[in-house]
Amino acid sequence: NIIEINSLCKSFGSNVPILDDISLKIPKGSLITIIGRNGAGKTTLLKCIAGLHNINSGQISLNFDQKNTVKYTSANNSIRNQKYRKKIGFIFQNIALWPHFTILENVMRPLIDIHHMQKNDAIMMAHEWIVHKLKLKEYDLTKYPQELSIGMQRRVAIARTFATNPDILLIDELEANLDPEAVENVLNLIQEMFLEDPQKTMLMITHRIDFAFNNSTKVIALDKGRIVANDTPEKVLDNPQKENRNQFIKEIIEPYMSKWNFAFKSLETAVNIISLTSQIKD
């Protein structure tokens, strides 16, 4: 398991925990989708894994390989910041581009400063991701973030993270601020990256339930800071009589069905969802 979380709790100055006794094991090479309502603790979980939030109790272990393992608790939060920075990529929901760098510089600087790539190689890599994979124009390379639309800035932020080729890729609602065509483009890139590199591990918060159930190794659902489902897509939809399962489908999956026009790869998956939500409505 490249990520192991044991009894993780996180709160922000109150008695109400944002994450309450979270335990997970994420095997290397997994594509994990995390779903849940706003405020369920999804983003906080990713930021704890990335080392951007200190934890109140419990333990997080990152096992990149036999020689690169780190375990941290509330007592040693500080050990994780620099050494493993280049092994974890985070696509933030709030974009977080450097306003004083051009678009090209935003993507190439981490390649040079963190990954110690030669400048010419970094330029070529940045150009490949910005122009050929994320579909921005050549003339956008010399612009500054504030000169682009929010959606285009979002694509630059995605290019910056993808280009660093991290061992663990954490994605916080990549569909935010993207038009439908750009969303499909980025989702396809994620599929390609996952299929091309069996060692890459991805944890992805998404409201695209169709993507979650068609492509994930596992689906994790959070509700009020606790895990209410953690299994393969097929098993999450199985056994509607299981404790909390009807409530989970009603409150988390069904609202998104009306929001998105699904194109499920598996007819059986679609039938299962329709059948279960019909039972709830009845």
Protein backbone atom coordinates (compact mmCIF):
# COMPACT_ATOMS: atom_id res chain seq x y z
CA ASN A 1 0.00 0.00 0.00
CA ILE A 2 1.47 3.32 -1.03
CA ILE A 3 -0.87 5.15 1.39
CA GLU A 4 -2.03 3.82 4.77
CA ILE A 5 -4.21 5.93 7.05
CA ASN A 6 -5.05 4.77 10.56
CA SER A 7 -7.69 6.43 12.78
CA LEU A 8 -7.12 9.88 11.29
CA CYS A 9 -8.94 12.75 12.98
CA LYS A 10 -8.83 16.39 11.92
CA SER A 11 -10.67 19.42 13.23
CA PHE A 12 -10.21 23.18 12.95
CA GLY A 13 -10.44 24.67 16.42
CA SER A 14 -13.79 23.18 17.39
CA ASN A 15 -15.22 20.03 18.91
CA VAL A 16 -16.77 19.03 15.56
CA PRO A 17 -14.27 16.91 13.60
CA ILE A 18 -13.91 17.49 9.87
CA LEU A 19 -12.45 13.97 9.57
CA ASP A 20 -13.55 11.43 12.16
CA ASP A 21 -11.63 8.17 12.58
CA ILE A 22 -10.63 7.69 8.94
CA SER A 23 -8.75 4.47 8.10
CA LEU A 24 -7.78 3.61 4.51
CA LYS A 25 -5.33 1.46 2.60
CA ILE A 26 -4.55 2.59 -0.94
CA PRO A 27 -2.55 0.11 -3.06
CA LYS A 28 0.05 1.49 -5.47
CA GLY A 29 -1.41 1.82 -8.96
CA SER A 30 -4.97 2.56 -7.83
CA LEU A 31 -7.39 5.11 -9.25
CA ILE A 32 -9.56 6.11 -6.31
CA THR A 33 -12.52 8.45 -6.69
CA ILE A 34 -13.86 10.26 -3.64
CA ILE A 35 -17.46 11.42 -3.65
CA GLY A 36 -19.69 13.17 -1.15
CA ARG A 37 -21.60 16.34 -0.46
CA ASN A 38 -20.00 19.73 0.19
CA GLY A 39 -18.50 19.80 3.66
CA ALA A 40 -18.08 16.04 3.89
CA GLY A 41 -14.31 16.35 4.41
CA LYS A 42 -13.10 15.35 0.94
CA THR A 43 -10.66 18.21 0.34
CA THR A 44 -9.42 18.09 3.94
CA LEU A 45 -8.55 14.41 3.48
CA LEU A 46 -6.45 15.13 0.39
CA LYS A 47 -4.68 18.03 2.09
CA CYS A 48 -3.83 15.85 5.08
CA ILE A 49 -2.31 13.24 2.76
CA ALA A 50 -0.34 15.96 0.94
CA GLY A 51 0.99 17.41 4.18
CA LEU A 52 -0.83 20.70 3.76
CA HIS A 53 -2.82 20.23 6.98
CA ASN A 54 -1.50 19.04 10.32
CA ILE A 55 -3.45 16.13 11.77
CA ASN A 56 -4.95 16.03 15.26
CA SER A 57 -4.58 12.29 15.86
CA GLY A 58 -3.97 9.05 14.03
CA GLN A 59 -1.24 8.24 11.52
CA ILE A 60 -0.57 8.60 7.80
CA SER A 61 2.09 6.47 6.11
CA LEU A 62 3.40 7.10 2.61
CA ASN A 63 5.29 4.08 1.29
CA PHE A 64 6.84 5.12 -2.03
CA ASP A 65 9.27 2.21 -1.93
CA GLN A 66 11.38 0.31 0.61
CA LYS A 67 13.85 3.18 0.92
CA ASN A 68 11.32 6.01 0.82
CA THR A 69 8.73 5.66 3.56
CA VAL A 70 7.47 8.31 5.92
CA LYS A 71 5.06 7.96 8.81
CA TYR A 72 3.65 10.97 10.56
CA THR A 73 1.31 11.72 13.43
CA SER A 74 0.23 14.87 15.24
CA ALA A 75 3.62 14.83 16.99
CA ASN A 76 5.77 14.98 13.85
CA ASN A 77 3.75 16.79 11.21
CA SER A 78 6.73 18.83 10.08
CA ILE A 79 8.83 15.93 8.71
CA ARG A 80 6.84 15.56 5.52
CA ASN A 81 7.09 18.96 3.88
CA GLN A 82 10.20 19.00 1.64
CA LYS A 83 11.58 15.49 1.18
CA TYR A 84 8.41 14.09 -0.39
CA ARG A 85 7.16 17.24 -2.05
CA LYS A 86 8.19 16.17 -5.54
CA LYS A 87 6.56 12.74 -5.18
CA ILE A 88 3.07 14.16 -4.59
CA GLY A 89 1.17 16.27 -7.12
CA PHE A 90 -1.89 18.28 -6.06
CA ILE A 91 -4.38 19.90 -8.43
CA PHE A 92 -6.09 22.52 -6.28
CA GLN A 93 -9.64 23.66 -6.74
CA ASN A 94 -8.53 27.29 -6.32
CA ILE A 95 -5.98 27.08 -9.22
CA ALA A 96 -3.04 28.66 -7.30
CA LEU A 97 -0.93 29.87 -10.25
CA TRP A 98 1.95 32.29 -9.71
CA PRO A 99 0.71 35.68 -11.03
CA HIS A 100 4.23 37.03 -11.71
CA PHE A 101 5.16 34.11 -14.01
CA THR A 102 3.98 33.58 -17.57
CA ILE A 103 1.94 30.51 -18.42
CA LEU A 104 5.04 28.72 -19.72
CA GLU A 105 7.02 29.67 -16.60
CA ASN A 106 4.25 28.46 -14.30
CA VAL A 107 4.54 24.97 -15.73
CA MET A 108 8.33 24.82 -16.19
CA ARG A 109 9.48 26.30 -12.84
CA PRO A 110 8.59 23.22 -10.71
CA LEU A 111 10.38 21.02 -13.25
CA ILE A 112 13.56 23.07 -12.79
CA ASP A 113 13.37 24.06 -9.11
CA ILE A 114 12.00 20.84 -7.60
CA HIS A 115 12.84 18.14 -10.12
CA HIS A 116 16.16 19.68 -11.26
CA MET A 117 15.39 19.30 -14.95
CA GLN A 118 17.53 21.14 -17.48
CA LYS A 119 15.91 24.37 -18.69
CA ASN A 120 15.52 23.32 -22.32
CA ASP A 121 14.00 19.97 -21.31
CA ALA A 122 11.63 21.76 -18.94
CA ILE A 123 10.51 24.13 -21.70
CA MET A 124 9.83 21.20 -24.05
CA MET A 125 7.90 19.31 -21.38
CA ALA A 126 5.84 22.36 -20.42
CA HIS A 127 5.09 23.12 -24.07
CA GLU A 128 3.93 19.52 -24.64
CA TRP A 129 1.46 19.61 -21.78
CA ILE A 130 0.14 23.14 -22.33
CA VAL A 131 -0.28 23.11 -26.10
CA HIS A 132 -0.61 19.50 -27.21
CA LYS A 133 -2.35 17.85 -24.26
CA LEU A 134 -4.34 20.63 -22.56
CA LYS A 135 -5.10 22.37 -25.87
CA LEU A 136 -4.08 25.96 -25.17
CA LYS A 137 -2.66 28.08 -27.99
CA GLU A 138 0.98 28.89 -28.71
CA TYR A 139 0.33 32.59 -28.16
CA ASP A 140 -0.97 31.87 -24.64
CA LEU A 141 2.47 30.72 -23.48
CA THR A 142 3.77 34.27 -22.93
CA LYS A 143 0.62 35.52 -21.20
CA TYR A 144 0.21 35.90 -17.44
CA PRO A 145 -2.53 34.02 -15.54
CA GLN A 146 -4.69 37.12 -15.06
CA GLU A 147 -4.85 37.51 -18.85
CA LEU A 148 -6.60 34.15 -19.26
CA SER A 149 -10.10 33.03 -18.40
CA ILE A 150 -10.63 31.04 -15.20
CA GLY A 151 -11.16 27.89 -17.23
CA MET A 152 -7.89 28.36 -19.12
CA GLN A 153 -6.05 29.07 -15.87
CA ARG A 154 -7.43 25.82 -14.55
CA ARG A 155 -5.98 23.93 -17.51
CA VAL A 156 -2.57 25.52 -16.89
CA ALA A 157 -2.71 24.40 -13.25
CA ILE A 158 -3.53 20.86 -14.40
CA ALA A 159 -0.63 20.94 -16.90
CA ARG A 160 1.75 22.11 -14.16
CA THR A 161 0.88 19.15 -11.94
CA PHE A 162 0.69 16.49 -14.67
CA ALA A 163 4.08 17.54 -16.10
CA THR A 164 5.89 16.74 -12.84
CA ASN A 165 4.84 13.06 -13.15
CA PRO A 166 4.28 12.50 -9.40
CA ASP A 167 4.01 9.07 -7.77
CA ILE A 168 0.79 10.16 -6.03
CA LEU A 169 -1.60 12.48 -7.83
CA LEU A 170 -4.27 14.22 -5.73
CA ILE A 171 -7.04 15.95 -7.68
CA ASP A 172 -9.64 18.23 -6.10
CA GLU A 173 -12.66 18.51 -8.43
CA LEU A 174 -10.81 19.04 -11.69
CA GLU A 175 -14.11 19.72 -13.44
CA ALA A 176 -14.44 23.01 -11.51
CA ASN A 177 -14.41 26.04 -13.87
CA LEU A 178 -13.93 23.90 -16.99
CA ASP A 179 -16.30 23.79 -19.92
CA PRO A 180 -17.69 20.33 -20.82
CA GLU A 181 -15.26 19.79 -23.70
CA ALA A 182 -12.26 20.61 -21.48
CA VAL A 183 -13.59 18.31 -18.75
CA GLU A 184 -13.77 15.40 -21.18
CA ASN A 185 -10.28 16.19 -22.45
CA VAL A 186 -8.79 16.14 -18.93
CA LEU A 187 -10.70 13.01 -17.89
CA ASN A 188 -9.34 11.26 -20.98
CA LEU A 189 -5.82 12.35 -20.02
CA ILE A 190 -6.30 10.88 -16.55
CA GLN A 191 -7.42 7.59 -18.07
CA GLU A 192 -4.38 7.57 -20.37
CA MET A 193 -1.96 8.37 -17.54
CA PHE A 194 -3.44 5.66 -15.36
CA LEU A 195 -3.30 3.03 -18.10
CA GLU A 196 0.21 3.99 -19.25
CA ASP A 197 1.81 3.95 -15.80
CA PRO A 198 0.66 1.04 -13.57
CA GLN A 199 2.74 2.46 -10.69
CA LYS A 200 0.91 5.79 -10.58
CA THR A 201 -1.62 6.25 -7.80
CA MET A 202 -4.47 8.76 -8.13
CA LEU A 203 -6.99 10.02 -5.59
CA MET A 204 -9.61 12.18 -7.22
CA ILE A 205 -12.53 14.14 -5.79
CA THR A 206 -15.23 14.30 -8.42
CA HIS A 207 -18.91 14.99 -8.99
CA ARG A 208 -18.74 13.02 -12.20
CA ILE A 209 -20.36 9.87 -10.90
CA ASP A 210 -20.24 8.32 -14.36
CA PHE A 211 -16.45 8.62 -14.39
CA ALA A 212 -16.22 7.31 -10.83
CA PHE A 213 -18.20 4.15 -11.48
CA ASN A 214 -16.73 3.45 -14.92
CA ASN A 215 -13.02 3.96 -14.21
CA SER A 216 -12.21 3.66 -10.52
CA THR A 217 -10.36 0.89 -8.78
CA LYS A 218 -12.41 1.88 -5.73
CA VAL A 219 -15.05 4.46 -4.84
CA ILE A 220 -14.84 6.14 -1.44
CA ALA A 221 -17.84 8.09 -0.15
CA LEU A 222 -17.53 10.52 2.75
CA ASP A 223 -20.39 11.88 4.80
CA LYS A 224 -19.90 14.20 7.79
CA GLY A 225 -16.24 13.31 8.02
CA ARG A 226 -16.73 9.55 8.06
CA ILE A 227 -16.40 6.87 5.40
CA VAL A 228 -19.80 5.48 4.41
CA ALA A 229 -18.61 3.42 1.43
CA ASN A 230 -15.18 2.11 0.39
CA ASP A 231 -15.25 -0.60 -2.22
CA THR A 232 -15.16 -1.42 -5.92
CA PRO A 233 -17.80 0.39 -7.97
CA GLU A 234 -19.75 -2.83 -8.44
CA LYS A 235 -19.83 -3.64 -4.72
CA VAL A 236 -20.77 -0.10 -3.74
CA LEU A 237 -23.92 -0.54 -5.83
CA ASP A 238 -24.62 -4.08 -4.63
CA ASN A 239 -26.78 -5.13 -1.70
CA PRO A 240 -29.19 -2.21 -1.26
CA GLN A 241 -30.27 -3.62 2.10
CA LYS A 242 -26.81 -3.08 3.58
CA GLU A 243 -26.75 -0.63 6.48
CA ASN A 244 -26.60 3.00 5.27
CA ARG A 245 -26.46 1.93 1.62
CA ASN A 246 -29.92 3.23 0.62
CA GLN A 247 -29.25 6.52 2.41
CA PHE A 248 -25.87 6.78 0.70
CA ILE A 249 -27.39 6.35 -2.77
CA LYS A 250 -30.28 8.68 -2.07
CA GLU A 251 -28.18 11.53 -0.70
CA ILE A 252 -24.98 11.27 -2.71
CA ILE A 253 -25.53 9.47 -5.99
CA GLU A 254 -29.11 10.26 -6.95
CA PRO A 255 -28.76 14.10 -6.94
CA TYR A 256 -25.91 13.87 -9.44
CA MET A 257 -27.92 11.63 -11.77
CA SER A 258 -30.21 14.53 -12.57
CA LYS A 259 -27.23 16.87 -13.01
CA TRP A 260 -25.19 14.81 -15.48
CA ASN A 261 -26.16 13.07 -18.66
CA PHE A 262 -24.49 9.72 -18.02
CA ALA A 263 -23.03 7.51 -20.69
CA PHE A 264 -22.21 4.41 -18.70
CA LYS A 265 -19.86 1.90 -20.28
CA SER A 266 -21.63 -0.86 -18.40
CA LEU A 267 -25.35 -1.31 -18.98
CA GLU A 268 -25.44 -3.41 -15.83
CA THR A 269 -24.03 -0.53 -13.79
CA ALA A 270 -26.66 1.84 -15.14
CA VAL A 271 -29.45 -0.65 -14.47
CA ASN A 272 -28.23 -1.16 -10.89
CA ILE A 273 -28.29 2.56 -10.17
CA ILE A 274 -31.69 3.09 -11.79
CA SER A 275 -33.11 0.08 -9.94
CA LEU A 276 -31.83 1.19 -6.54
CA THR A 277 -32.91 4.81 -6.90
CA SER A 278 -36.32 3.65 -8.10
CA GLN A 279 -36.70 1.61 -4.93
CA ILE A 280 -35.93 4.68 -2.84
CA LYS A 281 -38.46 6.81 -4.74
CA ASP A 282 -41.12 4.11 -4.38
